[in-house]
Amino acid sequence: MVDKSKPADSSAWERHRYKILASGALTLILFATVVYHFIEDWSWVDSLYFSTVAVTTVGFGDLVPTTDGSKLFTVVYILAGVSVITTYLHMRLQYRMGKRYQAD
């Protein structure tokens, strides 16, 4: 029996998009942590801290990239990271709002 309440194109992306985007964000942060650890010679904790502060656009300024390569990496990292995290939050909020209006 076919469930007609759901669209026929309910793909793996639709079913797992939150997990995929959350995994992508986590992978991006971990990748940046490794890059900063080796390029800037920061400790693992400092690298993770900066990766998180940069991608969340908090930017305390206590750690800053010092080489041209790490500065360019940071630009790309922030643009990609903000895009992934914003997309994830947008999808989660749409889902939550949909559930709220379905309950009314």
PDB file of N, CA and C in Angstrom:
ATOM      1  N   MET A   1       0.838  -1.168   0.000  1.00  0.00           N
ATOM      2  CA  MET A   1       0.000   0.000   0.000  1.00  0.00           C
ATOM      3  C   MET A   1       0.897   1.250   0.000  1.00  0.00           C
ATOM      4  N   VAL A   2       0.589   2.207  -0.818  1.00  0.00           N
ATOM      5  CA  VAL A   2       1.375   3.423  -0.970  1.00  0.00           C
ATOM      6  C   VAL A   2       0.786   4.518  -0.091  1.00  0.00           C
ATOM      7  N   ASP A   3       1.665   5.170   0.671  1.00  0.00           N
ATOM      8  CA  ASP A   3       1.233   6.281   1.516  1.00  0.00           C
ATOM      9  C   ASP A   3       1.182   7.547   0.669  1.00  0.00           C
ATOM     10  N   LYS A   4      -0.024   8.049   0.419  1.00  0.00           N
ATOM     11  CA  LYS A   4      -0.192   9.214  -0.447  1.00  0.00           C
ATOM     12  C   LYS A   4      -0.050  10.530   0.312  1.00  0.00           C
ATOM     13  N   SER A   5       0.109  10.481   1.640  1.00  0.00           N
ATOM     14  CA  SER A   5       0.244  11.718   2.406  1.00  0.00           C
ATOM     15  C   SER A   5       1.631  12.321   2.272  1.00  0.00           C
ATOM     16  N   LYS A   6       2.623  11.495   1.907  1.00  0.00           N
ATOM     17  CA  LYS A   6       3.977  11.991   1.720  1.00  0.00           C
ATOM     18  C   LYS A   6       4.282  12.069   0.239  1.00  0.00           C
ATOM     19  N   PRO A   7       5.082  13.063  -0.170  1.00  0.00           N
ATOM     20  CA  PRO A   7       5.446  13.149  -1.579  1.00  0.00           C
ATOM     21  C   PRO A   7       6.242  11.923  -2.020  1.00  0.00           C
ATOM     22  N   ALA A   8       6.107  11.585  -3.282  1.00  0.00           N
ATOM     23  CA  ALA A   8       6.790  10.408  -3.819  1.00  0.00           C
ATOM     24  C   ALA A   8       8.299  10.595  -3.848  1.00  0.00           C
ATOM     25  N   ASP A   9       8.786  11.833  -3.863  1.00  0.00           N
ATOM     26  CA  ASP A   9      10.218  12.087  -3.951  1.00  0.00           C
ATOM     27  C   ASP A   9      10.875  12.217  -2.573  1.00  0.00           C
ATOM     28  N   SER A  10      10.318  11.564  -1.575  1.00  0.00           N
ATOM     29  CA  SER A  10      10.894  11.574  -0.236  1.00  0.00           C
ATOM     30  C   SER A  10      12.195  10.780  -0.256  1.00  0.00           C
ATOM     31  N   SER A  11      13.276  11.474  -0.499  1.00  0.00           N
ATOM     32  CA  SER A  11      14.578  10.839  -0.688  1.00  0.00           C
ATOM     33  C   SER A  11      15.305  10.666   0.634  1.00  0.00           C
ATOM     34  N   ALA A  12      16.471  10.075   0.552  1.00  0.00           N
ATOM     35  CA  ALA A  12      17.318   9.923   1.729  1.00  0.00           C
ATOM     36  C   ALA A  12      17.683  11.292   2.290  1.00  0.00           C
ATOM     37  N   TRP A  13      17.881  12.260   1.407  1.00  0.00           N
ATOM     38  CA  TRP A  13      18.190  13.618   1.856  1.00  0.00           C
ATOM     39  C   TRP A  13      17.066  14.151   2.739  1.00  0.00           C
ATOM     40  N   GLU A  14      15.832  13.981   2.305  1.00  0.00           N
ATOM     41  CA  GLU A  14      14.692  14.488   3.072  1.00  0.00           C
ATOM     42  C   GLU A  14      14.582  13.794   4.426  1.00  0.00           C
ATOM     43  N   ARG A  15      14.857  12.518   4.454  1.00  0.00           N
ATOM     44  CA  ARG A  15      14.725  11.761   5.699  1.00  0.00           C
ATOM     45  C   ARG A  15      15.861  12.040   6.671  1.00  0.00           C
ATOM     46  N   HIS A  16      17.042  12.339   6.163  1.00  0.00           N
ATOM     47  CA  HIS A  16      18.221  12.454   7.024  1.00  0.00           C
ATOM     48  C   HIS A  16      18.916  13.813   6.930  1.00  0.00           C
ATOM     49  N   ARG A  17      18.249  14.822   6.446  1.00  0.00           N
ATOM     50  CA  ARG A  17      18.906  16.102   6.197  1.00  0.00           C
ATOM     51  C   ARG A  17      19.463  16.740   7.461  1.00  0.00           C
ATOM     52  N   TYR A  18      18.803  16.604   8.602  1.00  0.00           N
ATOM     53  CA  TYR A  18      19.295  17.194   9.837  1.00  0.00           C
ATOM     54  C   TYR A  18      20.591  16.521  10.275  1.00  0.00           C
ATOM     55  N   LYS A  19      20.600  15.208  10.186  1.00  0.00           N
ATOM     56  CA  LYS A  19      21.813  14.470  10.556  1.00  0.00           C
ATOM     57  C   LYS A  19      22.958  14.784   9.604  1.00  0.00           C
ATOM     58  N   ILE A  20      22.662  14.896   8.338  1.00  0.00           N
ATOM     59  CA  ILE A  20      23.689  15.185   7.334  1.00  0.00           C
ATOM     60  C   ILE A  20      24.281  16.571   7.568  1.00  0.00           C
ATOM     61  N   LEU A  21      23.432  17.565   7.785  1.00  0.00           N
ATOM     62  CA  LEU A  21      23.922  18.924   8.010  1.00  0.00           C
ATOM     63  C   LEU A  21      24.656  19.053   9.344  1.00  0.00           C
ATOM     64  N   ALA A  22      24.166  18.412  10.392  1.00  0.00           N
ATOM     65  CA  ALA A  22      24.858  18.446  11.680  1.00  0.00           C
ATOM     66  C   ALA A  22      26.220  17.763  11.568  1.00  0.00           C
ATOM     67  N   SER A  23      26.266  16.648  10.864  1.00  0.00           N
ATOM     68  CA  SER A  23      27.541  15.953  10.646  1.00  0.00           C
ATOM     69  C   SER A  23      28.493  16.810   9.824  1.00  0.00           C
ATOM     70  N   GLY A  24      27.957  17.501   8.823  1.00  0.00           N
ATOM     71  CA  GLY A  24      28.775  18.389   8.001  1.00  0.00           C
ATOM     72  C   GLY A  24      29.362  19.530   8.817  1.00  0.00           C
ATOM     73  N   ALA A  25      28.558  20.118   9.692  1.00  0.00           N
ATOM     74  CA  ALA A  25      29.040  21.210  10.543  1.00  0.00           C
ATOM     75  C   ALA A  25      30.122  20.715  11.500  1.00  0.00           C
ATOM     76  N   LEU A  26      29.885  19.565  12.108  1.00  0.00           N
ATOM     77  CA  LEU A  26      30.874  18.994  13.025  1.00  0.00           C
ATOM     78  C   LEU A  26      32.167  18.639  12.294  1.00  0.00           C
ATOM     79  N   THR A  27      32.038  18.049  11.121  1.00  0.00           N
ATOM     80  CA  THR A  27      33.212  17.698  10.316  1.00  0.00           C
ATOM     81  C   THR A  27      33.989  18.942   9.927  1.00  0.00           C
ATOM     82  N   LEU A  28      33.291  19.989   9.558  1.00  0.00           N
ATOM     83  CA  LEU A  28      33.944  21.243   9.186  1.00  0.00           C
ATOM     84  C   LEU A  28      34.722  21.832  10.366  1.00  0.00           C
ATOM     85  N   ILE A  29      34.132  21.826  11.546  1.00  0.00           N
ATOM     86  CA  ILE A  29      34.812  22.341  12.738  1.00  0.00           C
ATOM     87  C   ILE A  29      36.036  21.499  13.068  1.00  0.00           C
ATOM     88  N   LEU A  30      35.891  20.179  12.996  1.00  0.00           N
ATOM     89  CA  LEU A  30      37.034  19.302  13.289  1.00  0.00           C
ATOM     90  C   LEU A  30      38.139  19.459  12.253  1.00  0.00           C
ATOM     91  N   PHE A  31      37.774  19.610  10.982  1.00  0.00           N
ATOM     92  CA  PHE A  31      38.763  19.827   9.925  1.00  0.00           C
ATOM     93  C   PHE A  31      39.519  21.133  10.170  1.00  0.00           C
ATOM     94  N   ALA A  32      38.788  22.190  10.501  1.00  0.00           N
ATOM     95  CA  ALA A  32      39.434  23.478  10.778  1.00  0.00           C
ATOM     96  C   ALA A  32      40.334  23.383  12.002  1.00  0.00           C
ATOM     97  N   THR A  33      39.930  22.612  12.992  1.00  0.00           N
ATOM     98  CA  THR A  33      40.764  22.414  14.179  1.00  0.00           C
ATOM     99  C   THR A  33      42.107  21.808  13.804  1.00  0.00           C
ATOM    100  N   VAL A  34      42.086  20.806  12.950  1.00  0.00           N
ATOM    101  CA  VAL A  34      43.331  20.168  12.497  1.00  0.00           C
ATOM    102  C   VAL A  34      44.181  21.162  11.698  1.00  0.00           C
ATOM    103  N   VAL A  35      43.539  21.913  10.800  1.00  0.00           N
ATOM    104  CA  VAL A  35      44.273  22.887   9.982  1.00  0.00           C
ATOM    105  C   VAL A  35      44.943  23.928  10.867  1.00  0.00           C
ATOM    106  N   TYR A  36      44.211  24.502  11.808  1.00  0.00           N
ATOM    107  CA  TYR A  36      44.795  25.526  12.680  1.00  0.00           C
ATOM    108  C   TYR A  36      45.890  24.948  13.577  1.00  0.00           C
ATOM    109  N   HIS A  37      45.715  23.716  14.002  1.00  0.00           N
ATOM    110  CA  HIS A  37      46.734  23.088  14.842  1.00  0.00           C
ATOM    111  C   HIS A  37      48.071  23.014  14.104  1.00  0.00           C
ATOM    112  N   PHE A  38      48.028  22.654  12.839  1.00  0.00           N
ATOM    113  CA  PHE A  38      49.270  22.496  12.097  1.00  0.00           C
ATOM    114  C   PHE A  38      49.771  23.789  11.455  1.00  0.00           C
ATOM    115  N   ILE A  39      48.882  24.609  10.935  1.00  0.00           N
ATOM    116  CA  ILE A  39      49.328  25.849  10.278  1.00  0.00           C
ATOM    117  C   ILE A  39      49.768  26.895  11.307  1.00  0.00           C
ATOM    118  N   GLU A  40      48.993  27.074  12.351  1.00  0.00           N
ATOM    119  CA  GLU A  40      49.291  28.105  13.350  1.00  0.00           C
ATOM    120  C   GLU A  40      50.113  27.574  14.518  1.00  0.00           C
ATOM    121  N   ASP A  41      50.280  26.263  14.603  1.00  0.00           N
ATOM    122  CA  ASP A  41      51.012  25.620  15.700  1.00  0.00           C
ATOM    123  C   ASP A  41      50.355  25.912  17.055  1.00  0.00           C
ATOM    124  N   TRP A  42      49.007  25.962  17.051  1.00  0.00           N
ATOM    125  CA  TRP A  42      48.264  26.136  18.283  1.00  0.00           C
ATOM    126  C   TRP A  42      48.022  24.775  18.918  1.00  0.00           C
ATOM    127  N   SER A  43      47.716  24.770  20.203  1.00  0.00           N
ATOM    128  CA  SER A  43      47.340  23.519  20.865  1.00  0.00           C
ATOM    129  C   SER A  43      46.007  23.038  20.279  1.00  0.00           C
ATOM    130  N   TRP A  44      45.672  21.776  20.562  1.00  0.00           N
ATOM    131  CA  TRP A  44      44.413  21.228  20.065  1.00  0.00           C
ATOM    132  C   TRP A  44      43.221  21.998  20.648  1.00  0.00           C
ATOM    133  N   VAL A  45      43.330  22.358  21.920  1.00  0.00           N
ATOM    134  CA  VAL A  45      42.231  23.081  22.567  1.00  0.00           C
ATOM    135  C   VAL A  45      42.086  24.478  21.962  1.00  0.00           C
ATOM    136  N   ASP A  46      43.206  25.188  21.776  1.00  0.00           N
ATOM    137  CA  ASP A  46      43.139  26.513  21.165  1.00  0.00           C
ATOM    138  C   ASP A  46      42.596  26.435  19.740  1.00  0.00           C
ATOM    139  N   SER A  47      42.998  25.409  19.015  1.00  0.00           N
ATOM    140  CA  SER A  47      42.526  25.241  17.636  1.00  0.00           C
ATOM    141  C   SER A  47      41.026  24.993  17.588  1.00  0.00           C
ATOM    142  N   LEU A  48      40.538  24.114  18.460  1.00  0.00           N
ATOM    143  CA  LEU A  48      39.092  23.851  18.529  1.00  0.00           C
ATOM    144  C   LEU A  48      38.342  25.102  18.979  1.00  0.00           C
ATOM    145  N   TYR A  49      38.889  25.789  19.963  1.00  0.00           N
ATOM    146  CA  TYR A  49      38.277  27.021  20.465  1.00  0.00           C
ATOM    147  C   TYR A  49      38.153  28.048  19.343  1.00  0.00           C
ATOM    148  N   PHE A  50      39.236  28.290  18.601  1.00  0.00           N
ATOM    149  CA  PHE A  50      39.188  29.278  17.536  1.00  0.00           C
ATOM    150  C   PHE A  50      38.241  28.844  16.425  1.00  0.00           C
ATOM    151  N   SER A  51      38.246  27.560  16.092  1.00  0.00           N
ATOM    152  CA  SER A  51      37.351  27.055  15.052  1.00  0.00           C
ATOM    153  C   SER A  51      35.901  27.312  15.411  1.00  0.00           C
ATOM    154  N   THR A  52      35.560  27.091  16.652  1.00  0.00           N
ATOM    155  CA  THR A  52      34.193  27.290  17.115  1.00  0.00           C
ATOM    156  C   THR A  52      33.836  28.774  17.183  1.00  0.00           C
ATOM    157  N   VAL A  53      34.735  29.570  17.727  1.00  0.00           N
ATOM    158  CA  VAL A  53      34.490  31.012  17.847  1.00  0.00           C
ATOM    159  C   VAL A  53      34.358  31.649  16.463  1.00  0.00           C
ATOM    160  N   ALA A  54      35.191  31.223  15.531  1.00  0.00           N
ATOM    161  CA  ALA A  54      35.158  31.812  14.184  1.00  0.00           C
ATOM    162  C   ALA A  54      33.865  31.442  13.453  1.00  0.00           C
ATOM    163  N   VAL A  55      33.482  30.170  13.478  1.00  0.00           N
ATOM    164  CA  VAL A  55      32.321  29.734  12.697  1.00  0.00           C
ATOM    165  C   VAL A  55      31.006  30.214  13.300  1.00  0.00           C
ATOM    166  N   THR A  56      30.994  30.495  14.595  1.00  0.00           N
ATOM    167  CA  THR A  56      29.779  31.021  15.209  1.00  0.00           C
ATOM    168  C   THR A  56      29.741  32.543  15.151  1.00  0.00           C
ATOM    169  N   THR A  57      30.734  33.136  14.542  1.00  0.00           N
ATOM    170  CA  THR A  57      30.889  34.578  14.334  1.00  0.00           C
ATOM    171  C   THR A  57      30.956  35.362  15.640  1.00  0.00           C
ATOM    172  N   VAL A  58      31.381  34.719  16.711  1.00  0.00           N
ATOM    173  CA  VAL A  58      31.560  35.409  17.981  1.00  0.00           C
ATOM    174  C   VAL A  58      32.788  36.306  17.894  1.00  0.00           C
ATOM    175  N   GLY A  59      33.927  35.732  17.518  1.00  0.00           N
ATOM    176  CA  GLY A  59      35.142  36.492  17.278  1.00  0.00           C
ATOM    177  C   GLY A  59      35.647  37.295  18.453  1.00  0.00           C
ATOM    178  N   PHE A  60      36.077  36.638  19.519  1.00  0.00           N
ATOM    179  CA  PHE A  60      36.589  37.338  20.687  1.00  0.00           C
ATOM    180  C   PHE A  60      37.872  38.122  20.391  1.00  0.00           C
ATOM    181  N   GLY A  61      38.707  37.634  19.487  1.00  0.00           N
ATOM    182  CA  GLY A  61      39.928  38.333  19.123  1.00  0.00           C
ATOM    183  C   GLY A  61      41.138  37.961  19.944  1.00  0.00           C
ATOM    184  N   ASP A  62      40.996  37.001  20.866  1.00  0.00           N
ATOM    185  CA  ASP A  62      42.142  36.603  21.671  1.00  0.00           C
ATOM    186  C   ASP A  62      43.126  35.730  20.882  1.00  0.00           C
ATOM    187  N   LEU A  63      42.633  35.009  19.893  1.00  0.00           N
ATOM    188  CA  LEU A  63      43.477  34.268  18.957  1.00  0.00           C
ATOM    189  C   LEU A  63      43.176  34.797  17.563  1.00  0.00           C
ATOM    190  N   VAL A  64      44.224  35.011  16.787  1.00  0.00           N
ATOM    191  CA  VAL A  64      44.031  35.475  15.411  1.00  0.00           C
ATOM    192  C   VAL A  64      45.003  34.738  14.499  1.00  0.00           C
ATOM    193  N   PRO A  65      44.582  34.430  13.278  1.00  0.00           N
ATOM    194  CA  PRO A  65      45.490  33.812  12.316  1.00  0.00           C
ATOM    195  C   PRO A  65      46.643  34.770  12.006  1.00  0.00           C
ATOM    196  N   THR A  66      47.845  34.219  11.862  1.00  0.00           N
ATOM    197  CA  THR A  66      49.013  35.070  11.659  1.00  0.00           C
ATOM    198  C   THR A  66      49.627  34.947  10.262  1.00  0.00           C
ATOM    199  N   THR A  67      49.364  33.858   9.561  1.00  0.00           N
ATOM    200  CA  THR A  67      49.945  33.691   8.227  1.00  0.00           C
ATOM    201  C   THR A  67      48.896  34.000   7.164  1.00  0.00           C
ATOM    202  N   ASP A  68      49.374  34.349   5.992  1.00  0.00           N
ATOM    203  CA  ASP A  68      48.440  34.627   4.892  1.00  0.00           C
ATOM    204  C   ASP A  68      47.601  33.400   4.556  1.00  0.00           C
ATOM    205  N   GLY A  69      48.220  32.219   4.598  1.00  0.00           N
ATOM    206  CA  GLY A  69      47.495  30.984   4.301  1.00  0.00           C
ATOM    207  C   GLY A  69      46.375  30.725   5.285  1.00  0.00           C
ATOM    208  N   SER A  70      46.657  30.917   6.561  1.00  0.00           N
ATOM    209  CA  SER A  70      45.607  30.663   7.555  1.00  0.00           C
ATOM    210  C   SER A  70      44.529  31.746   7.511  1.00  0.00           C
ATOM    211  N   LYS A  71      44.898  32.956   7.126  1.00  0.00           N
ATOM    212  CA  LYS A  71      43.884  34.007   6.975  1.00  0.00           C
ATOM    213  C   LYS A  71      42.946  33.694   5.814  1.00  0.00           C
ATOM    214  N   LEU A  72      43.514  33.246   4.696  1.00  0.00           N
ATOM    215  CA  LEU A  72      42.679  32.863   3.550  1.00  0.00           C
ATOM    216  C   LEU A  72      41.816  31.654   3.881  1.00  0.00           C
ATOM    217  N   PHE A  73      42.401  30.681   4.581  1.00  0.00           N
ATOM    218  CA  PHE A  73      41.623  29.515   5.010  1.00  0.00           C
ATOM    219  C   PHE A  73      40.461  29.957   5.898  1.00  0.00           C
ATOM    220  N   THR A  74      40.716  30.903   6.797  1.00  0.00           N
ATOM    221  CA  THR A  74      39.683  31.378   7.713  1.00  0.00           C
ATOM    222  C   THR A  74      38.520  32.019   6.959  1.00  0.00           C
ATOM    223  N   VAL A  75      38.827  32.774   5.924  1.00  0.00           N
ATOM    224  CA  VAL A  75      37.768  33.401   5.121  1.00  0.00           C
ATOM    225  C   VAL A  75      36.868  32.326   4.511  1.00  0.00           C
ATOM    226  N   VAL A  76      37.479  31.338   3.881  1.00  0.00           N
ATOM    227  CA  VAL A  76      36.704  30.258   3.250  1.00  0.00           C
ATOM    228  C   VAL A  76      35.962  29.454   4.308  1.00  0.00           C
ATOM    229  N   TYR A  77      36.638  29.161   5.410  1.00  0.00           N
ATOM    230  CA  TYR A  77      36.048  28.384   6.500  1.00  0.00           C
ATOM    231  C   TYR A  77      34.814  29.084   7.080  1.00  0.00           C
ATOM    232  N   ILE A  78      34.912  30.373   7.333  1.00  0.00           N
ATOM    233  CA  ILE A  78      33.779  31.096   7.912  1.00  0.00           C
ATOM    234  C   ILE A  78      32.603  31.129   6.936  1.00  0.00           C
ATOM    235  N   LEU A  79      32.880  31.412   5.672  1.00  0.00           N
ATOM    236  CA  LEU A  79      31.784  31.445   4.689  1.00  0.00           C
ATOM    237  C   LEU A  79      31.103  30.078   4.571  1.00  0.00           C
ATOM    238  N   ALA A  80      31.891  29.022   4.495  1.00  0.00           N
ATOM    239  CA  ALA A  80      31.315  27.673   4.391  1.00  0.00           C
ATOM    240  C   ALA A  80      30.607  27.285   5.685  1.00  0.00           C
ATOM    241  N   GLY A  81      31.242  27.542   6.807  1.00  0.00           N
ATOM    242  CA  GLY A  81      30.673  27.150   8.098  1.00  0.00           C
ATOM    243  C   GLY A  81      29.386  27.869   8.419  1.00  0.00           C
ATOM    244  N   VAL A  82      29.358  29.160   8.202  1.00  0.00           N
ATOM    245  CA  VAL A  82      28.135  29.927   8.465  1.00  0.00           C
ATOM    246  C   VAL A  82      27.012  29.442   7.549  1.00  0.00           C
ATOM    247  N   SER A  83      27.347  29.131   6.312  1.00  0.00           N
ATOM    248  CA  SER A  83      26.332  28.626   5.378  1.00  0.00           C
ATOM    249  C   SER A  83      25.753  27.298   5.849  1.00  0.00           C
ATOM    250  N   VAL A  84      26.604  26.384   6.262  1.00  0.00           N
ATOM    251  CA  VAL A  84      26.133  25.064   6.711  1.00  0.00           C
ATOM    252  C   VAL A  84      25.303  25.197   7.990  1.00  0.00           C
ATOM    253  N   ILE A  85      25.793  25.943   8.941  1.00  0.00           N
ATOM    254  CA  ILE A  85      25.086  26.080  10.214  1.00  0.00           C
ATOM    255  C   ILE A  85      23.765  26.833  10.033  1.00  0.00           C
ATOM    256  N   THR A  86      23.761  27.867   9.215  1.00  0.00           N
ATOM    257  CA  THR A  86      22.531  28.606   8.958  1.00  0.00           C
ATOM    258  C   THR A  86      21.495  27.721   8.268  1.00  0.00           C
ATOM    259  N   THR A  87      21.935  26.929   7.308  1.00  0.00           N
ATOM    260  CA  THR A  87      21.019  26.009   6.630  1.00  0.00           C
ATOM    261  C   THR A  87      20.435  25.004   7.612  1.00  0.00           C
ATOM    262  N   TYR A  88      21.282  24.460   8.477  1.00  0.00           N
ATOM    263  CA  TYR A  88      20.815  23.508   9.488  1.00  0.00           C
ATOM    264  C   TYR A  88      19.772  24.156  10.402  1.00  0.00           C
ATOM    265  N   LEU A  89      20.087  25.339  10.923  1.00  0.00           N
ATOM    266  CA  LEU A  89      19.148  26.011  11.822  1.00  0.00           C
ATOM    267  C   LEU A  89      17.844  26.371  11.118  1.00  0.00           C
ATOM    268  N   HIS A  90      17.936  26.803   9.879  1.00  0.00           N
ATOM    269  CA  HIS A  90      16.739  27.129   9.100  1.00  0.00           C
ATOM    270  C   HIS A  90      15.842  25.901   8.942  1.00  0.00           C
ATOM    271  N   MET A  91      16.432  24.776   8.598  1.00  0.00           N
ATOM    272  CA  MET A  91      15.644  23.552   8.411  1.00  0.00           C
ATOM    273  C   MET A  91      15.028  23.080   9.729  1.00  0.00           C
ATOM    274  N   ARG A  92      15.788  23.187  10.819  1.00  0.00           N
ATOM    275  CA  ARG A  92      15.261  22.764  12.115  1.00  0.00           C
ATOM    276  C   ARG A  92      14.090  23.663  12.541  1.00  0.00           C
ATOM    277  N   LEU A  93      14.236  24.971  12.324  1.00  0.00           N
ATOM    278  CA  LEU A  93      13.151  25.879  12.697  1.00  0.00           C
ATOM    279  C   LEU A  93      11.914  25.654  11.839  1.00  0.00           C
ATOM    280  N   GLN A  94      12.110  25.383  10.550  1.00  0.00           N
ATOM    281  CA  GLN A  94      10.959  25.064   9.692  1.00  0.00           C
ATOM    282  C   GLN A  94      10.252  23.817  10.195  1.00  0.00           C
ATOM    283  N   TYR A  95      11.021  22.822  10.567  1.00  0.00           N
ATOM    284  CA  TYR A  95      10.452  21.577  11.076  1.00  0.00           C
ATOM    285  C   TYR A  95       9.669  21.837  12.367  1.00  0.00           C
ATOM    286  N   ARG A  96      10.268  22.613  13.290  1.00  0.00           N
ATOM    287  CA  ARG A  96       9.608  22.898  14.554  1.00  0.00           C
ATOM    288  C   ARG A  96       8.321  23.703  14.342  1.00  0.00           C
ATOM    289  N   MET A  97       8.366  24.667  13.445  1.00  0.00           N
ATOM    290  CA  MET A  97       7.164  25.456  13.180  1.00  0.00           C
ATOM    291  C   MET A  97       6.087  24.604  12.532  1.00  0.00           C
ATOM    292  N   GLY A  98       6.463  23.708  11.670  1.00  0.00           N
ATOM    293  CA  GLY A  98       5.504  22.810  11.031  1.00  0.00           C
ATOM    294  C   GLY A  98       4.834  21.926  12.044  1.00  0.00           C
ATOM    295  N   LYS A  99       5.589  21.412  12.998  1.00  0.00           N
ATOM    296  CA  LYS A  99       5.013  20.567  14.050  1.00  0.00           C
ATOM    297  C   LYS A  99       4.084  21.380  14.936  1.00  0.00           C
ATOM    298  N   ARG A 100       4.448  22.626  15.217  1.00  0.00           N
ATOM    299  CA  ARG A 100       3.620  23.462  16.079  1.00  0.00           C
ATOM    300  C   ARG A 100       2.273  23.737  15.406  1.00  0.00           C
ATOM    301  N   TYR A 101       2.299  24.054  14.117  1.00  0.00           N
ATOM    302  CA  TYR A 101       1.052  24.372  13.424  1.00  0.00           C
ATOM    303  C   TYR A 101       0.211  23.127  13.149  1.00  0.00           C
ATOM    304  N   GLN A 102       0.843  21.975  13.067  1.00  0.00           N
ATOM    305  CA  GLN A 102       0.074  20.735  12.875  1.00  0.00           C
ATOM    306  C   GLN A 102      -0.655  20.368  14.169  1.00  0.00           C
ATOM    307  N   ALA A 103      -0.097  20.741  15.315  1.00  0.00           N
ATOM    308  CA  ALA A 103      -0.723  20.398  16.592  1.00  0.00           C
ATOM    309  C   ALA A 103      -1.919  21.300  16.887  1.00  0.00           C
ATOM    310  N   ASP A 104      -1.957  22.479  16.295  1.00  0.00           N
ATOM    311  CA  ASP A 104      -3.077  23.412  16.556  1.00  0.00           C
ATOM    312  C   ASP A 104      -4.350  23.003  15.900  1.00  0.00           C
TER     313      ASP A 104
END
